[in-house]
Amino acid sequence: PSLYLIKYDGFDCVYGLELHKDER
């Protein structure tokens, strides 16, 4: 549940990020 799938504007890959945990 920490991992989210995101579609960023202008980028056609789907990204997987732990939005609330990733220090970046």
PDBML (XML) file of the C-alpha atoms, coordinates in Angstrom:
<?xml version="1.0" encoding="UTF-8" ?>
<PDBx:datablock datablockName="MODEL"
   xmlns:PDBx="http://pdbml.pdb.org/schema/pdbx-v50.xsd"
   xmlns:xsi="http://www.w3.org/2001/XMLSchema-instance"
   xsi:schemaLocation="http://pdbml.pdb.org/schema/pdbx-v50.xsd pdbx-v50.xsd">
   <PDBx:atom_siteCategory>
      <PDBx:atom_site id="1">
         <PDBx:B_iso_or_equiv>0.00</PDBx:B_iso_or_equiv>
         <PDBx:Cartn_x>0.000</PDBx:Cartn_x>
         <PDBx:Cartn_y>0.000</PDBx:Cartn_y>
         <PDBx:Cartn_z>0.000</PDBx:Cartn_z>
         <PDBx:auth_asym_id>A</PDBx:auth_asym_id>
         <PDBx:auth_atom_id>CA</PDBx:auth_atom_id>
         <PDBx:auth_comp_id>PRO</PDBx:auth_comp_id>
         <PDBx:auth_seq_id>1</PDBx:auth_seq_id>
         <PDBx:group_PDB>ATOM</PDBx:group_PDB>
         <PDBx:label_alt_id xsi:nil="true" />
         <PDBx:label_asym_id>A</PDBx:label_asym_id>
         <PDBx:label_atom_id>CA</PDBx:label_atom_id>
         <PDBx:label_comp_id>PRO</PDBx:label_comp_id>
         <PDBx:label_entity_id>1</PDBx:label_entity_id>
         <PDBx:label_seq_id>1</PDBx:label_seq_id>
         <PDBx:occupancy>1.00</PDBx:occupancy>
         <PDBx:pdbx_PDB_model_num>1</PDBx:pdbx_PDB_model_num>
         <PDBx:type_symbol>C</PDBx:type_symbol>
      </PDBx:atom_site>
      <PDBx:atom_site id="2">
         <PDBx:B_iso_or_equiv>0.00</PDBx:B_iso_or_equiv>
         <PDBx:Cartn_x>2.960</PDBx:Cartn_x>
         <PDBx:Cartn_y>2.380</PDBx:Cartn_y>
         <PDBx:Cartn_z>0.245</PDBx:Cartn_z>
         <PDBx:auth_asym_id>A</PDBx:auth_asym_id>
         <PDBx:auth_atom_id>CA</PDBx:auth_atom_id>
         <PDBx:auth_comp_id>SER</PDBx:auth_comp_id>
         <PDBx:auth_seq_id>2</PDBx:auth_seq_id>
         <PDBx:group_PDB>ATOM</PDBx:group_PDB>
         <PDBx:label_alt_id xsi:nil="true" />
         <PDBx:label_asym_id>A</PDBx:label_asym_id>
         <PDBx:label_atom_id>CA</PDBx:label_atom_id>
         <PDBx:label_comp_id>SER</PDBx:label_comp_id>
         <PDBx:label_entity_id>1</PDBx:label_entity_id>
         <PDBx:label_seq_id>2</PDBx:label_seq_id>
         <PDBx:occupancy>1.00</PDBx:occupancy>
         <PDBx:pdbx_PDB_model_num>1</PDBx:pdbx_PDB_model_num>
         <PDBx:type_symbol>C</PDBx:type_symbol>
      </PDBx:atom_site>
      <PDBx:atom_site id="3">
         <PDBx:B_iso_or_equiv>0.00</PDBx:B_iso_or_equiv>
         <PDBx:Cartn_x>3.489</PDBx:Cartn_x>
         <PDBx:Cartn_y>2.015</PDBx:Cartn_y>
         <PDBx:Cartn_z>-3.500</PDBx:Cartn_z>
         <PDBx:auth_asym_id>A</PDBx:auth_asym_id>
         <PDBx:auth_atom_id>CA</PDBx:auth_atom_id>
         <PDBx:auth_comp_id>LEU</PDBx:auth_comp_id>
         <PDBx:auth_seq_id>3</PDBx:auth_seq_id>
         <PDBx:group_PDB>ATOM</PDBx:group_PDB>
         <PDBx:label_alt_id xsi:nil="true" />
         <PDBx:label_asym_id>A</PDBx:label_asym_id>
         <PDBx:label_atom_id>CA</PDBx:label_atom_id>
         <PDBx:label_comp_id>LEU</PDBx:label_comp_id>
         <PDBx:label_entity_id>1</PDBx:label_entity_id>
         <PDBx:label_seq_id>3</PDBx:label_seq_id>
         <PDBx:occupancy>1.00</PDBx:occupancy>
         <PDBx:pdbx_PDB_model_num>1</PDBx:pdbx_PDB_model_num>
         <PDBx:type_symbol>C</PDBx:type_symbol>
      </PDBx:atom_site>
      <PDBx:atom_site id="4">
         <PDBx:B_iso_or_equiv>0.00</PDBx:B_iso_or_equiv>
         <PDBx:Cartn_x>1.544</PDBx:Cartn_x>
         <PDBx:Cartn_y>4.142</PDBx:Cartn_y>
         <PDBx:Cartn_z>-5.981</PDBx:Cartn_z>
         <PDBx:auth_asym_id>A</PDBx:auth_asym_id>
         <PDBx:auth_atom_id>CA</PDBx:auth_atom_id>
         <PDBx:auth_comp_id>TYR</PDBx:auth_comp_id>
         <PDBx:auth_seq_id>4</PDBx:auth_seq_id>
         <PDBx:group_PDB>ATOM</PDBx:group_PDB>
         <PDBx:label_alt_id xsi:nil="true" />
         <PDBx:label_asym_id>A</PDBx:label_asym_id>
         <PDBx:label_atom_id>CA</PDBx:label_atom_id>
         <PDBx:label_comp_id>TYR</PDBx:label_comp_id>
         <PDBx:label_entity_id>1</PDBx:label_entity_id>
         <PDBx:label_seq_id>4</PDBx:label_seq_id>
         <PDBx:occupancy>1.00</PDBx:occupancy>
         <PDBx:pdbx_PDB_model_num>1</PDBx:pdbx_PDB_model_num>
         <PDBx:type_symbol>C</PDBx:type_symbol>
      </PDBx:atom_site>
      <PDBx:atom_site id="5">
         <PDBx:B_iso_or_equiv>0.00</PDBx:B_iso_or_equiv>
         <PDBx:Cartn_x>1.367</PDBx:Cartn_x>
         <PDBx:Cartn_y>3.968</PDBx:Cartn_y>
         <PDBx:Cartn_z>-9.763</PDBx:Cartn_z>
         <PDBx:auth_asym_id>A</PDBx:auth_asym_id>
         <PDBx:auth_atom_id>CA</PDBx:auth_atom_id>
         <PDBx:auth_comp_id>LEU</PDBx:auth_comp_id>
         <PDBx:auth_seq_id>5</PDBx:auth_seq_id>
         <PDBx:group_PDB>ATOM</PDBx:group_PDB>
         <PDBx:label_alt_id xsi:nil="true" />
         <PDBx:label_asym_id>A</PDBx:label_asym_id>
         <PDBx:label_atom_id>CA</PDBx:label_atom_id>
         <PDBx:label_comp_id>LEU</PDBx:label_comp_id>
         <PDBx:label_entity_id>1</PDBx:label_entity_id>
         <PDBx:label_seq_id>5</PDBx:label_seq_id>
         <PDBx:occupancy>1.00</PDBx:occupancy>
         <PDBx:pdbx_PDB_model_num>1</PDBx:pdbx_PDB_model_num>
         <PDBx:type_symbol>C</PDBx:type_symbol>
      </PDBx:atom_site>
      <PDBx:atom_site id="6">
         <PDBx:B_iso_or_equiv>0.00</PDBx:B_iso_or_equiv>
         <PDBx:Cartn_x>1.660</PDBx:Cartn_x>
         <PDBx:Cartn_y>7.411</PDBx:Cartn_y>
         <PDBx:Cartn_z>-11.348</PDBx:Cartn_z>
         <PDBx:auth_asym_id>A</PDBx:auth_asym_id>
         <PDBx:auth_atom_id>CA</PDBx:auth_atom_id>
         <PDBx:auth_comp_id>ILE</PDBx:auth_comp_id>
         <PDBx:auth_seq_id>6</PDBx:auth_seq_id>
         <PDBx:group_PDB>ATOM</PDBx:group_PDB>
         <PDBx:label_alt_id xsi:nil="true" />
         <PDBx:label_asym_id>A</PDBx:label_asym_id>
         <PDBx:label_atom_id>CA</PDBx:label_atom_id>
         <PDBx:label_comp_id>ILE</PDBx:label_comp_id>
         <PDBx:label_entity_id>1</PDBx:label_entity_id>
         <PDBx:label_seq_id>6</PDBx:label_seq_id>
         <PDBx:occupancy>1.00</PDBx:occupancy>
         <PDBx:pdbx_PDB_model_num>1</PDBx:pdbx_PDB_model_num>
         <PDBx:type_symbol>C</PDBx:type_symbol>
      </PDBx:atom_site>
      <PDBx:atom_site id="7">
         <PDBx:B_iso_or_equiv>0.00</PDBx:B_iso_or_equiv>
         <PDBx:Cartn_x>1.356</PDBx:Cartn_x>
         <PDBx:Cartn_y>8.822</PDBx:Cartn_y>
         <PDBx:Cartn_z>-14.861</PDBx:Cartn_z>
         <PDBx:auth_asym_id>A</PDBx:auth_asym_id>
         <PDBx:auth_atom_id>CA</PDBx:auth_atom_id>
         <PDBx:auth_comp_id>LYS</PDBx:auth_comp_id>
         <PDBx:auth_seq_id>7</PDBx:auth_seq_id>
         <PDBx:group_PDB>ATOM</PDBx:group_PDB>
         <PDBx:label_alt_id xsi:nil="true" />
         <PDBx:label_asym_id>A</PDBx:label_asym_id>
         <PDBx:label_atom_id>CA</PDBx:label_atom_id>
         <PDBx:label_comp_id>LYS</PDBx:label_comp_id>
         <PDBx:label_entity_id>1</PDBx:label_entity_id>
         <PDBx:label_seq_id>7</PDBx:label_seq_id>
         <PDBx:occupancy>1.00</PDBx:occupancy>
         <PDBx:pdbx_PDB_model_num>1</PDBx:pdbx_PDB_model_num>
         <PDBx:type_symbol>C</PDBx:type_symbol>
      </PDBx:atom_site>
      <PDBx:atom_site id="8">
         <PDBx:B_iso_or_equiv>0.00</PDBx:B_iso_or_equiv>
         <PDBx:Cartn_x>3.507</PDBx:Cartn_x>
         <PDBx:Cartn_y>11.948</PDBx:Cartn_y>
         <PDBx:Cartn_z>-14.989</PDBx:Cartn_z>
         <PDBx:auth_asym_id>A</PDBx:auth_asym_id>
         <PDBx:auth_atom_id>CA</PDBx:auth_atom_id>
         <PDBx:auth_comp_id>TYR</PDBx:auth_comp_id>
         <PDBx:auth_seq_id>8</PDBx:auth_seq_id>
         <PDBx:group_PDB>ATOM</PDBx:group_PDB>
         <PDBx:label_alt_id xsi:nil="true" />
         <PDBx:label_asym_id>A</PDBx:label_asym_id>
         <PDBx:label_atom_id>CA</PDBx:label_atom_id>
         <PDBx:label_comp_id>TYR</PDBx:label_comp_id>
         <PDBx:label_entity_id>1</PDBx:label_entity_id>
         <PDBx:label_seq_id>8</PDBx:label_seq_id>
         <PDBx:occupancy>1.00</PDBx:occupancy>
         <PDBx:pdbx_PDB_model_num>1</PDBx:pdbx_PDB_model_num>
         <PDBx:type_symbol>C</PDBx:type_symbol>
      </PDBx:atom_site>
      <PDBx:atom_site id="9">
         <PDBx:B_iso_or_equiv>0.00</PDBx:B_iso_or_equiv>
         <PDBx:Cartn_x>2.691</PDBx:Cartn_x>
         <PDBx:Cartn_y>14.683</PDBx:Cartn_y>
         <PDBx:Cartn_z>-17.478</PDBx:Cartn_z>
         <PDBx:auth_asym_id>A</PDBx:auth_asym_id>
         <PDBx:auth_atom_id>CA</PDBx:auth_atom_id>
         <PDBx:auth_comp_id>ASP</PDBx:auth_comp_id>
         <PDBx:auth_seq_id>9</PDBx:auth_seq_id>
         <PDBx:group_PDB>ATOM</PDBx:group_PDB>
         <PDBx:label_alt_id xsi:nil="true" />
         <PDBx:label_asym_id>A</PDBx:label_asym_id>
         <PDBx:label_atom_id>CA</PDBx:label_atom_id>
         <PDBx:label_comp_id>ASP</PDBx:label_comp_id>
         <PDBx:label_entity_id>1</PDBx:label_entity_id>
         <PDBx:label_seq_id>9</PDBx:label_seq_id>
         <PDBx:occupancy>1.00</PDBx:occupancy>
         <PDBx:pdbx_PDB_model_num>1</PDBx:pdbx_PDB_model_num>
         <PDBx:type_symbol>C</PDBx:type_symbol>
      </PDBx:atom_site>
      <PDBx:atom_site id="10">
         <PDBx:B_iso_or_equiv>0.00</PDBx:B_iso_or_equiv>
         <PDBx:Cartn_x>4.724</PDBx:Cartn_x>
         <PDBx:Cartn_y>14.382</PDBx:Cartn_y>
         <PDBx:Cartn_z>-20.675</PDBx:Cartn_z>
         <PDBx:auth_asym_id>A</PDBx:auth_asym_id>
         <PDBx:auth_atom_id>CA</PDBx:auth_atom_id>
         <PDBx:auth_comp_id>GLY</PDBx:auth_comp_id>
         <PDBx:auth_seq_id>10</PDBx:auth_seq_id>
         <PDBx:group_PDB>ATOM</PDBx:group_PDB>
         <PDBx:label_alt_id xsi:nil="true" />
         <PDBx:label_asym_id>A</PDBx:label_asym_id>
         <PDBx:label_atom_id>CA</PDBx:label_atom_id>
         <PDBx:label_comp_id>GLY</PDBx:label_comp_id>
         <PDBx:label_entity_id>1</PDBx:label_entity_id>
         <PDBx:label_seq_id>10</PDBx:label_seq_id>
         <PDBx:occupancy>1.00</PDBx:occupancy>
         <PDBx:pdbx_PDB_model_num>1</PDBx:pdbx_PDB_model_num>
         <PDBx:type_symbol>C</PDBx:type_symbol>
      </PDBx:atom_site>
      <PDBx:atom_site id="11">
         <PDBx:B_iso_or_equiv>0.00</PDBx:B_iso_or_equiv>
         <PDBx:Cartn_x>6.023</PDBx:Cartn_x>
         <PDBx:Cartn_y>10.922</PDBx:Cartn_y>
         <PDBx:Cartn_z>-19.799</PDBx:Cartn_z>
         <PDBx:auth_asym_id>A</PDBx:auth_asym_id>
         <PDBx:auth_atom_id>CA</PDBx:auth_atom_id>
         <PDBx:auth_comp_id>PHE</PDBx:auth_comp_id>
         <PDBx:auth_seq_id>11</PDBx:auth_seq_id>
         <PDBx:group_PDB>ATOM</PDBx:group_PDB>
         <PDBx:label_alt_id xsi:nil="true" />
         <PDBx:label_asym_id>A</PDBx:label_asym_id>
         <PDBx:label_atom_id>CA</PDBx:label_atom_id>
         <PDBx:label_comp_id>PHE</PDBx:label_comp_id>
         <PDBx:label_entity_id>1</PDBx:label_entity_id>
         <PDBx:label_seq_id>11</PDBx:label_seq_id>
         <PDBx:occupancy>1.00</PDBx:occupancy>
         <PDBx:pdbx_PDB_model_num>1</PDBx:pdbx_PDB_model_num>
         <PDBx:type_symbol>C</PDBx:type_symbol>
      </PDBx:atom_site>
      <PDBx:atom_site id="12">
         <PDBx:B_iso_or_equiv>0.00</PDBx:B_iso_or_equiv>
         <PDBx:Cartn_x>4.311</PDBx:Cartn_x>
         <PDBx:Cartn_y>7.832</PDBx:Cartn_y>
         <PDBx:Cartn_z>-21.154</PDBx:Cartn_z>
         <PDBx:auth_asym_id>A</PDBx:auth_asym_id>
         <PDBx:auth_atom_id>CA</PDBx:auth_atom_id>
         <PDBx:auth_comp_id>ASP</PDBx:auth_comp_id>
         <PDBx:auth_seq_id>12</PDBx:auth_seq_id>
         <PDBx:group_PDB>ATOM</PDBx:group_PDB>
         <PDBx:label_alt_id xsi:nil="true" />
         <PDBx:label_asym_id>A</PDBx:label_asym_id>
         <PDBx:label_atom_id>CA</PDBx:label_atom_id>
         <PDBx:label_comp_id>ASP</PDBx:label_comp_id>
         <PDBx:label_entity_id>1</PDBx:label_entity_id>
         <PDBx:label_seq_id>12</PDBx:label_seq_id>
         <PDBx:occupancy>1.00</PDBx:occupancy>
         <PDBx:pdbx_PDB_model_num>1</PDBx:pdbx_PDB_model_num>
         <PDBx:type_symbol>C</PDBx:type_symbol>
      </PDBx:atom_site>
      <PDBx:atom_site id="13">
         <PDBx:B_iso_or_equiv>0.00</PDBx:B_iso_or_equiv>
         <PDBx:Cartn_x>5.772</PDBx:Cartn_x>
         <PDBx:Cartn_y>5.250</PDBx:Cartn_y>
         <PDBx:Cartn_z>-18.783</PDBx:Cartn_z>
         <PDBx:auth_asym_id>A</PDBx:auth_asym_id>
         <PDBx:auth_atom_id>CA</PDBx:auth_atom_id>
         <PDBx:auth_comp_id>CYS</PDBx:auth_comp_id>
         <PDBx:auth_seq_id>13</PDBx:auth_seq_id>
         <PDBx:group_PDB>ATOM</PDBx:group_PDB>
         <PDBx:label_alt_id xsi:nil="true" />
         <PDBx:label_asym_id>A</PDBx:label_asym_id>
         <PDBx:label_atom_id>CA</PDBx:label_atom_id>
         <PDBx:label_comp_id>CYS</PDBx:label_comp_id>
         <PDBx:label_entity_id>1</PDBx:label_entity_id>
         <PDBx:label_seq_id>13</PDBx:label_seq_id>
         <PDBx:occupancy>1.00</PDBx:occupancy>
         <PDBx:pdbx_PDB_model_num>1</PDBx:pdbx_PDB_model_num>
         <PDBx:type_symbol>C</PDBx:type_symbol>
      </PDBx:atom_site>
      <PDBx:atom_site id="14">
         <PDBx:B_iso_or_equiv>0.00</PDBx:B_iso_or_equiv>
         <PDBx:Cartn_x>3.908</PDBx:Cartn_x>
         <PDBx:Cartn_y>4.345</PDBx:Cartn_y>
         <PDBx:Cartn_z>-15.630</PDBx:Cartn_z>
         <PDBx:auth_asym_id>A</PDBx:auth_asym_id>
         <PDBx:auth_atom_id>CA</PDBx:auth_atom_id>
         <PDBx:auth_comp_id>VAL</PDBx:auth_comp_id>
         <PDBx:auth_seq_id>14</PDBx:auth_seq_id>
         <PDBx:group_PDB>ATOM</PDBx:group_PDB>
         <PDBx:label_alt_id xsi:nil="true" />
         <PDBx:label_asym_id>A</PDBx:label_asym_id>
         <PDBx:label_atom_id>CA</PDBx:label_atom_id>
         <PDBx:label_comp_id>VAL</PDBx:label_comp_id>
         <PDBx:label_entity_id>1</PDBx:label_entity_id>
         <PDBx:label_seq_id>14</PDBx:label_seq_id>
         <PDBx:occupancy>1.00</PDBx:occupancy>
         <PDBx:pdbx_PDB_model_num>1</PDBx:pdbx_PDB_model_num>
         <PDBx:type_symbol>C</PDBx:type_symbol>
      </PDBx:atom_site>
      <PDBx:atom_site id="15">
         <PDBx:B_iso_or_equiv>0.00</PDBx:B_iso_or_equiv>
         <PDBx:Cartn_x>6.022</PDBx:Cartn_x>
         <PDBx:Cartn_y>4.905</PDBx:Cartn_y>
         <PDBx:Cartn_z>-12.531</PDBx:Cartn_z>
         <PDBx:auth_asym_id>A</PDBx:auth_asym_id>
         <PDBx:auth_atom_id>CA</PDBx:auth_atom_id>
         <PDBx:auth_comp_id>TYR</PDBx:auth_comp_id>
         <PDBx:auth_seq_id>15</PDBx:auth_seq_id>
         <PDBx:group_PDB>ATOM</PDBx:group_PDB>
         <PDBx:label_alt_id xsi:nil="true" />
         <PDBx:label_asym_id>A</PDBx:label_asym_id>
         <PDBx:label_atom_id>CA</PDBx:label_atom_id>
         <PDBx:label_comp_id>TYR</PDBx:label_comp_id>
         <PDBx:label_entity_id>1</PDBx:label_entity_id>
         <PDBx:label_seq_id>15</PDBx:label_seq_id>
         <PDBx:occupancy>1.00</PDBx:occupancy>
         <PDBx:pdbx_PDB_model_num>1</PDBx:pdbx_PDB_model_num>
         <PDBx:type_symbol>C</PDBx:type_symbol>
      </PDBx:atom_site>
      <PDBx:atom_site id="16">
         <PDBx:B_iso_or_equiv>0.00</PDBx:B_iso_or_equiv>
         <PDBx:Cartn_x>5.938</PDBx:Cartn_x>
         <PDBx:Cartn_y>3.108</PDBx:Cartn_y>
         <PDBx:Cartn_z>-9.192</PDBx:Cartn_z>
         <PDBx:auth_asym_id>A</PDBx:auth_asym_id>
         <PDBx:auth_atom_id>CA</PDBx:auth_atom_id>
         <PDBx:auth_comp_id>GLY</PDBx:auth_comp_id>
         <PDBx:auth_seq_id>16</PDBx:auth_seq_id>
         <PDBx:group_PDB>ATOM</PDBx:group_PDB>
         <PDBx:label_alt_id xsi:nil="true" />
         <PDBx:label_asym_id>A</PDBx:label_asym_id>
         <PDBx:label_atom_id>CA</PDBx:label_atom_id>
         <PDBx:label_comp_id>GLY</PDBx:label_comp_id>
         <PDBx:label_entity_id>1</PDBx:label_entity_id>
         <PDBx:label_seq_id>16</PDBx:label_seq_id>
         <PDBx:occupancy>1.00</PDBx:occupancy>
         <PDBx:pdbx_PDB_model_num>1</PDBx:pdbx_PDB_model_num>
         <PDBx:type_symbol>C</PDBx:type_symbol>
      </PDBx:atom_site>
      <PDBx:atom_site id="17">
         <PDBx:B_iso_or_equiv>0.00</PDBx:B_iso_or_equiv>
         <PDBx:Cartn_x>6.914</PDBx:Cartn_x>
         <PDBx:Cartn_y>5.250</PDBx:Cartn_y>
         <PDBx:Cartn_z>-6.201</PDBx:Cartn_z>
         <PDBx:auth_asym_id>A</PDBx:auth_asym_id>
         <PDBx:auth_atom_id>CA</PDBx:auth_atom_id>
         <PDBx:auth_comp_id>LEU</PDBx:auth_comp_id>
         <PDBx:auth_seq_id>17</PDBx:auth_seq_id>
         <PDBx:group_PDB>ATOM</PDBx:group_PDB>
         <PDBx:label_alt_id xsi:nil="true" />
         <PDBx:label_asym_id>A</PDBx:label_asym_id>
         <PDBx:label_atom_id>CA</PDBx:label_atom_id>
         <PDBx:label_comp_id>LEU</PDBx:label_comp_id>
         <PDBx:label_entity_id>1</PDBx:label_entity_id>
         <PDBx:label_seq_id>17</PDBx:label_seq_id>
         <PDBx:occupancy>1.00</PDBx:occupancy>
         <PDBx:pdbx_PDB_model_num>1</PDBx:pdbx_PDB_model_num>
         <PDBx:type_symbol>C</PDBx:type_symbol>
      </PDBx:atom_site>
      <PDBx:atom_site id="18">
         <PDBx:B_iso_or_equiv>0.00</PDBx:B_iso_or_equiv>
         <PDBx:Cartn_x>6.396</PDBx:Cartn_x>
         <PDBx:Cartn_y>5.131</PDBx:Cartn_y>
         <PDBx:Cartn_z>-2.460</PDBx:Cartn_z>
         <PDBx:auth_asym_id>A</PDBx:auth_asym_id>
         <PDBx:auth_atom_id>CA</PDBx:auth_atom_id>
         <PDBx:auth_comp_id>GLU</PDBx:auth_comp_id>
         <PDBx:auth_seq_id>18</PDBx:auth_seq_id>
         <PDBx:group_PDB>ATOM</PDBx:group_PDB>
         <PDBx:label_alt_id xsi:nil="true" />
         <PDBx:label_asym_id>A</PDBx:label_asym_id>
         <PDBx:label_atom_id>CA</PDBx:label_atom_id>
         <PDBx:label_comp_id>GLU</PDBx:label_comp_id>
         <PDBx:label_entity_id>1</PDBx:label_entity_id>
         <PDBx:label_seq_id>18</PDBx:label_seq_id>
         <PDBx:occupancy>1.00</PDBx:occupancy>
         <PDBx:pdbx_PDB_model_num>1</PDBx:pdbx_PDB_model_num>
         <PDBx:type_symbol>C</PDBx:type_symbol>
      </PDBx:atom_site>
      <PDBx:atom_site id="19">
         <PDBx:B_iso_or_equiv>0.00</PDBx:B_iso_or_equiv>
         <PDBx:Cartn_x>5.277</PDBx:Cartn_x>
         <PDBx:Cartn_y>8.752</PDBx:Cartn_y>
         <PDBx:Cartn_z>-2.462</PDBx:Cartn_z>
         <PDBx:auth_asym_id>A</PDBx:auth_asym_id>
         <PDBx:auth_atom_id>CA</PDBx:auth_atom_id>
         <PDBx:auth_comp_id>LEU</PDBx:auth_comp_id>
         <PDBx:auth_seq_id>19</PDBx:auth_seq_id>
         <PDBx:group_PDB>ATOM</PDBx:group_PDB>
         <PDBx:label_alt_id xsi:nil="true" />
         <PDBx:label_asym_id>A</PDBx:label_asym_id>
         <PDBx:label_atom_id>CA</PDBx:label_atom_id>
         <PDBx:label_comp_id>LEU</PDBx:label_comp_id>
         <PDBx:label_entity_id>1</PDBx:label_entity_id>
         <PDBx:label_seq_id>19</PDBx:label_seq_id>
         <PDBx:occupancy>1.00</PDBx:occupancy>
         <PDBx:pdbx_PDB_model_num>1</PDBx:pdbx_PDB_model_num>
         <PDBx:type_symbol>C</PDBx:type_symbol>
      </PDBx:atom_site>
      <PDBx:atom_site id="20">
         <PDBx:B_iso_or_equiv>0.00</PDBx:B_iso_or_equiv>
         <PDBx:Cartn_x>5.125</PDBx:Cartn_x>
         <PDBx:Cartn_y>9.132</PDBx:Cartn_y>
         <PDBx:Cartn_z>1.329</PDBx:Cartn_z>
         <PDBx:auth_asym_id>A</PDBx:auth_asym_id>
         <PDBx:auth_atom_id>CA</PDBx:auth_atom_id>
         <PDBx:auth_comp_id>HIS</PDBx:auth_comp_id>
         <PDBx:auth_seq_id>20</PDBx:auth_seq_id>
         <PDBx:group_PDB>ATOM</PDBx:group_PDB>
         <PDBx:label_alt_id xsi:nil="true" />
         <PDBx:label_asym_id>A</PDBx:label_asym_id>
         <PDBx:label_atom_id>CA</PDBx:label_atom_id>
         <PDBx:label_comp_id>HIS</PDBx:label_comp_id>
         <PDBx:label_entity_id>1</PDBx:label_entity_id>
         <PDBx:label_seq_id>20</PDBx:label_seq_id>
         <PDBx:occupancy>1.00</PDBx:occupancy>
         <PDBx:pdbx_PDB_model_num>1</PDBx:pdbx_PDB_model_num>
         <PDBx:type_symbol>C</PDBx:type_symbol>
      </PDBx:atom_site>
      <PDBx:atom_site id="21">
         <PDBx:B_iso_or_equiv>0.00</PDBx:B_iso_or_equiv>
         <PDBx:Cartn_x>8.373</PDBx:Cartn_x>
         <PDBx:Cartn_y>7.276</PDBx:Cartn_y>
         <PDBx:Cartn_z>2.070</PDBx:Cartn_z>
         <PDBx:auth_asym_id>A</PDBx:auth_asym_id>
         <PDBx:auth_atom_id>CA</PDBx:auth_atom_id>
         <PDBx:auth_comp_id>LYS</PDBx:auth_comp_id>
         <PDBx:auth_seq_id>21</PDBx:auth_seq_id>
         <PDBx:group_PDB>ATOM</PDBx:group_PDB>
         <PDBx:label_alt_id xsi:nil="true" />
         <PDBx:label_asym_id>A</PDBx:label_asym_id>
         <PDBx:label_atom_id>CA</PDBx:label_atom_id>
         <PDBx:label_comp_id>LYS</PDBx:label_comp_id>
         <PDBx:label_entity_id>1</PDBx:label_entity_id>
         <PDBx:label_seq_id>21</PDBx:label_seq_id>
         <PDBx:occupancy>1.00</PDBx:occupancy>
         <PDBx:pdbx_PDB_model_num>1</PDBx:pdbx_PDB_model_num>
         <PDBx:type_symbol>C</PDBx:type_symbol>
      </PDBx:atom_site>
      <PDBx:atom_site id="22">
         <PDBx:B_iso_or_equiv>0.00</PDBx:B_iso_or_equiv>
         <PDBx:Cartn_x>10.774</PDBx:Cartn_x>
         <PDBx:Cartn_y>8.019</PDBx:Cartn_y>
         <PDBx:Cartn_z>-0.767</PDBx:Cartn_z>
         <PDBx:auth_asym_id>A</PDBx:auth_asym_id>
         <PDBx:auth_atom_id>CA</PDBx:auth_atom_id>
         <PDBx:auth_comp_id>ASP</PDBx:auth_comp_id>
         <PDBx:auth_seq_id>22</PDBx:auth_seq_id>
         <PDBx:group_PDB>ATOM</PDBx:group_PDB>
         <PDBx:label_alt_id xsi:nil="true" />
         <PDBx:label_asym_id>A</PDBx:label_asym_id>
         <PDBx:label_atom_id>CA</PDBx:label_atom_id>
         <PDBx:label_comp_id>ASP</PDBx:label_comp_id>
         <PDBx:label_entity_id>1</PDBx:label_entity_id>
         <PDBx:label_seq_id>22</PDBx:label_seq_id>
         <PDBx:occupancy>1.00</PDBx:occupancy>
         <PDBx:pdbx_PDB_model_num>1</PDBx:pdbx_PDB_model_num>
         <PDBx:type_symbol>C</PDBx:type_symbol>
      </PDBx:atom_site>
      <PDBx:atom_site id="23">
         <PDBx:B_iso_or_equiv>0.00</PDBx:B_iso_or_equiv>
         <PDBx:Cartn_x>13.269</PDBx:Cartn_x>
         <PDBx:Cartn_y>10.656</PDBx:Cartn_y>
         <PDBx:Cartn_z>0.385</PDBx:Cartn_z>
         <PDBx:auth_asym_id>A</PDBx:auth_asym_id>
         <PDBx:auth_atom_id>CA</PDBx:auth_atom_id>
         <PDBx:auth_comp_id>GLU</PDBx:auth_comp_id>
         <PDBx:auth_seq_id>23</PDBx:auth_seq_id>
         <PDBx:group_PDB>ATOM</PDBx:group_PDB>
         <PDBx:label_alt_id xsi:nil="true" />
         <PDBx:label_asym_id>A</PDBx:label_asym_id>
         <PDBx:label_atom_id>CA</PDBx:label_atom_id>
         <PDBx:label_comp_id>GLU</PDBx:label_comp_id>
         <PDBx:label_entity_id>1</PDBx:label_entity_id>
         <PDBx:label_seq_id>23</PDBx:label_seq_id>
         <PDBx:occupancy>1.00</PDBx:occupancy>
         <PDBx:pdbx_PDB_model_num>1</PDBx:pdbx_PDB_model_num>
         <PDBx:type_symbol>C</PDBx:type_symbol>
      </PDBx:atom_site>
      <PDBx:atom_site id="24">
         <PDBx:B_iso_or_equiv>0.00</PDBx:B_iso_or_equiv>
         <PDBx:Cartn_x>13.662</PDBx:Cartn_x>
         <PDBx:Cartn_y>11.857</PDBx:Cartn_y>
         <PDBx:Cartn_z>-3.197</PDBx:Cartn_z>
         <PDBx:auth_asym_id>A</PDBx:auth_asym_id>
         <PDBx:auth_atom_id>CA</PDBx:auth_atom_id>
         <PDBx:auth_comp_id>ARG</PDBx:auth_comp_id>
         <PDBx:auth_seq_id>24</PDBx:auth_seq_id>
         <PDBx:group_PDB>ATOM</PDBx:group_PDB>
         <PDBx:label_alt_id xsi:nil="true" />
         <PDBx:label_asym_id>A</PDBx:label_asym_id>
         <PDBx:label_atom_id>CA</PDBx:label_atom_id>
         <PDBx:label_comp_id>ARG</PDBx:label_comp_id>
         <PDBx:label_entity_id>1</PDBx:label_entity_id>
         <PDBx:label_seq_id>24</PDBx:label_seq_id>
         <PDBx:occupancy>1.00</PDBx:occupancy>
         <PDBx:pdbx_PDB_model_num>1</PDBx:pdbx_PDB_model_num>
         <PDBx:type_symbol>C</PDBx:type_symbol>
      </PDBx:atom_site>
   </PDBx:atom_siteCategory>
</PDBx:datablock>
